[in-house]
């Protein structure tokens, strides 16, 4: 009788444990959901840049964003603002986007980026690292490498 009670107790504990794990899985977003959310953010970021909407564009970057070349955030914003607003028209296009979900609150987007303005064009390979802060995916790191065939 004691062995039966023990087995029953172990079986019940296992069922409770499985139910709790299943509930945690149900509460966590799926990899495809995260990929879709981050892809939408990348496209919205590119649209804000193309629209020359500087406030919206910089709003995609999180408080923890560390600009390249050891610039401060203030210096980086000043440089970006000058580059974006001096162009009367520009276009940023994204293709071949891939999302690597690192954790439920971390993802890395890699893609080809095409940039056009009246006086400058280029193609780059870009990597944006995102973290989820509250309900928003924000950029915390940005890396760019040139593709061959760029024109200035």
Protein backbone atom coordinates (compact mmCIF):
# COMPACT_ATOMS: atom_id res chain seq x y z
CA UNK A 1 0.00 0.00 0.00
CA UNK A 2 2.85 2.40 0.85
CA UNK A 3 4.50 1.69 -2.53
CA UNK A 4 1.23 2.37 -4.37
CA UNK A 5 0.80 5.66 -2.51
CA UNK A 6 4.39 6.65 -3.36
CA UNK A 7 3.89 5.82 -7.04
CA UNK A 8 0.63 7.76 -7.07
CA UNK A 9 2.35 10.75 -5.44
CA UNK A 10 5.25 10.65 -7.96
CA UNK A 11 2.80 10.38 -10.87
CA UNK A 12 0.79 13.33 -9.54
CA UNK A 13 3.96 15.43 -9.10
CA UNK A 14 5.00 14.61 -12.66
CA UNK A 15 1.59 15.63 -14.03
CA UNK A 16 1.68 18.93 -12.12
CA UNK A 17 5.22 19.60 -13.36
CA UNK A 18 4.20 18.92 -16.98
CA UNK A 19 1.13 21.12 -16.64
CA UNK A 20 3.25 23.99 -15.29
CA UNK A 21 5.81 23.61 -18.10
CA UNK A 22 3.00 23.55 -20.65
CA UNK A 23 1.53 26.76 -19.19
CA UNK A 24 4.95 28.47 -19.34
CA UNK A 25 5.27 27.45 -23.00
CA UNK A 26 1.80 28.82 -23.70
CA UNK A 27 2.76 32.15 -22.08
CA UNK A 28 6.01 32.46 -24.08
CA UNK A 29 5.87 33.84 -27.60
CA UNK A 30 6.88 31.41 -30.31
CA UNK A 31 10.02 31.87 -32.37
CA UNK A 32 7.88 32.64 -35.42
CA UNK A 33 5.94 35.30 -33.48
CA UNK A 34 9.17 36.93 -32.36
CA UNK A 35 10.58 36.78 -35.90
CA UNK A 36 7.45 38.44 -37.25
CA UNK A 37 7.55 41.20 -34.60
CA UNK A 38 11.23 41.95 -35.23
CA UNK A 39 10.75 41.90 -39.02
CA UNK A 40 7.94 44.46 -38.62
CA UNK A 41 10.27 46.63 -36.50
CA UNK A 42 13.04 46.48 -39.11
CA UNK A 43 10.63 47.50 -41.87
CA UNK A 44 9.16 50.31 -39.75
CA UNK A 45 12.70 51.51 -38.91
CA UNK A 46 13.57 51.61 -42.64
CA UNK A 47 10.30 53.43 -43.41
CA UNK A 48 10.97 56.08 -40.76
CA UNK A 49 14.45 56.59 -42.21
CA UNK A 50 13.07 56.79 -45.78
CA UNK A 51 10.45 59.29 -44.61
CA UNK A 52 13.23 61.35 -42.99
CA UNK A 53 11.28 61.20 -39.73
CA UNK A 54 14.24 61.63 -37.42
CA UNK A 55 12.30 61.33 -34.15
CA UNK A 56 10.62 58.11 -35.24
CA UNK A 57 13.90 56.76 -36.63
CA UNK A 58 15.87 57.37 -33.42
CA UNK A 59 12.94 56.04 -31.40
CA UNK A 60 13.79 52.55 -32.66
CA UNK A 61 17.08 52.70 -30.74
CA UNK A 62 16.96 51.70 -27.09
CA UNK A 63 18.42 53.63 -24.18
CA UNK A 64 21.22 51.05 -24.05
CA UNK A 65 22.24 51.56 -27.69
CA UNK A 66 25.97 52.08 -28.02
CA UNK A 67 26.95 53.73 -31.31
CA UNK A 68 29.94 52.52 -33.29
CA UNK A 69 33.21 54.45 -33.46
CA UNK A 70 33.04 55.28 -29.75
CA UNK A 71 30.58 58.12 -30.29
CA UNK A 72 28.30 59.12 -27.46
CA UNK A 73 24.59 58.74 -28.08
CA UNK A 74 24.30 62.55 -28.37
CA UNK A 75 27.14 62.72 -30.91
CA UNK A 76 25.65 59.83 -32.89
CA UNK A 77 22.22 61.51 -33.02
CA UNK A 78 23.80 64.77 -34.21
CA UNK A 79 25.64 62.97 -37.04
CA UNK A 80 22.57 60.93 -38.02
CA UNK A 81 20.29 63.98 -37.97
CA UNK A 82 22.62 65.92 -40.27
CA UNK A 83 22.87 63.00 -42.71
CA UNK A 84 19.16 62.24 -42.78
CA UNK A 85 17.74 65.74 -42.91
CA UNK A 86 20.21 67.17 -45.46
CA UNK A 87 18.87 64.83 -48.15
CA UNK A 88 15.70 66.17 -49.78
CA UNK A 89 14.76 62.60 -50.72
CA UNK A 90 16.12 59.23 -49.78
CA UNK A 91 15.02 55.63 -49.89
CA UNK A 92 16.03 52.70 -47.73
CA UNK A 93 15.03 49.22 -48.89
CA UNK A 94 15.48 45.97 -47.00
CA UNK A 95 15.70 42.49 -48.50
CA UNK A 96 16.81 38.99 -47.61
CA UNK A 97 15.99 39.53 -43.93
CA UNK A 98 16.80 36.77 -41.48
CA UNK A 99 15.88 36.78 -37.80
CA UNK A 100 17.81 34.78 -35.22
CA UNK A 101 15.81 34.50 -32.00
CA UNK A 102 18.39 34.33 -29.23
CA UNK A 103 15.93 34.38 -26.30
CA UNK A 104 12.29 35.40 -25.79
CA UNK A 105 13.51 38.99 -25.32
CA UNK A 106 16.52 39.04 -27.70
CA UNK A 107 16.80 38.74 -31.47
CA UNK A 108 19.27 39.55 -34.21
CA UNK A 109 18.15 40.74 -37.64
CA UNK A 110 20.50 40.47 -40.62
CA UNK A 111 19.64 41.80 -44.05
CA UNK A 112 20.78 43.52 -47.21
CA UNK A 113 20.10 47.23 -47.18
CA UNK A 114 19.90 49.46 -50.23
CA UNK A 115 20.15 53.21 -49.80
CA UNK A 116 19.43 55.81 -52.49
CA UNK A 117 19.55 59.57 -52.49
CA UNK A 118 20.20 62.08 -55.25
CA UNK A 119 23.91 62.26 -54.46
CA UNK A 120 24.71 58.87 -52.91
CA UNK A 121 23.85 55.19 -53.26
CA UNK A 122 25.09 52.12 -51.55
CA UNK A 123 24.35 48.55 -50.61
CA UNK A 124 25.31 47.20 -47.22
CA UNK A 125 24.91 44.09 -45.16
CA UNK A 126 23.44 45.10 -41.83
CA UNK A 127 23.02 43.41 -38.46
CA UNK A 128 20.67 44.89 -35.87
CA UNK A 129 20.57 43.41 -32.38
CA UNK A 130 17.22 43.85 -30.63
CA UNK A 131 16.01 43.47 -27.08
CA UNK A 132 12.42 43.60 -25.95
CA UNK A 133 11.76 46.40 -23.48
CA UNK A 134 8.23 46.22 -22.11
CA UNK A 135 6.26 45.60 -25.33
CA UNK A 136 8.74 47.15 -27.79
CA UNK A 137 11.66 45.67 -29.68
CA UNK A 138 14.50 48.22 -29.65
CA UNK A 139 17.90 48.28 -31.32
CA UNK A 140 20.84 47.98 -28.94
CA UNK A 141 23.60 47.30 -31.47
CA UNK A 142 24.10 48.02 -35.15
CA UNK A 143 26.79 46.68 -37.45
CA UNK A 144 27.25 47.54 -41.11
CA UNK A 145 29.58 46.11 -43.71
CA UNK A 146 29.87 47.27 -47.28
CA UNK A 147 28.83 45.12 -50.21
CA UNK A 148 30.82 45.18 -53.42
CA UNK A 149 29.64 47.46 -56.22
CA UNK A 150 28.83 50.54 -54.11
CA UNK A 151 28.71 53.90 -55.83
CA UNK A 152 29.07 57.34 -54.31
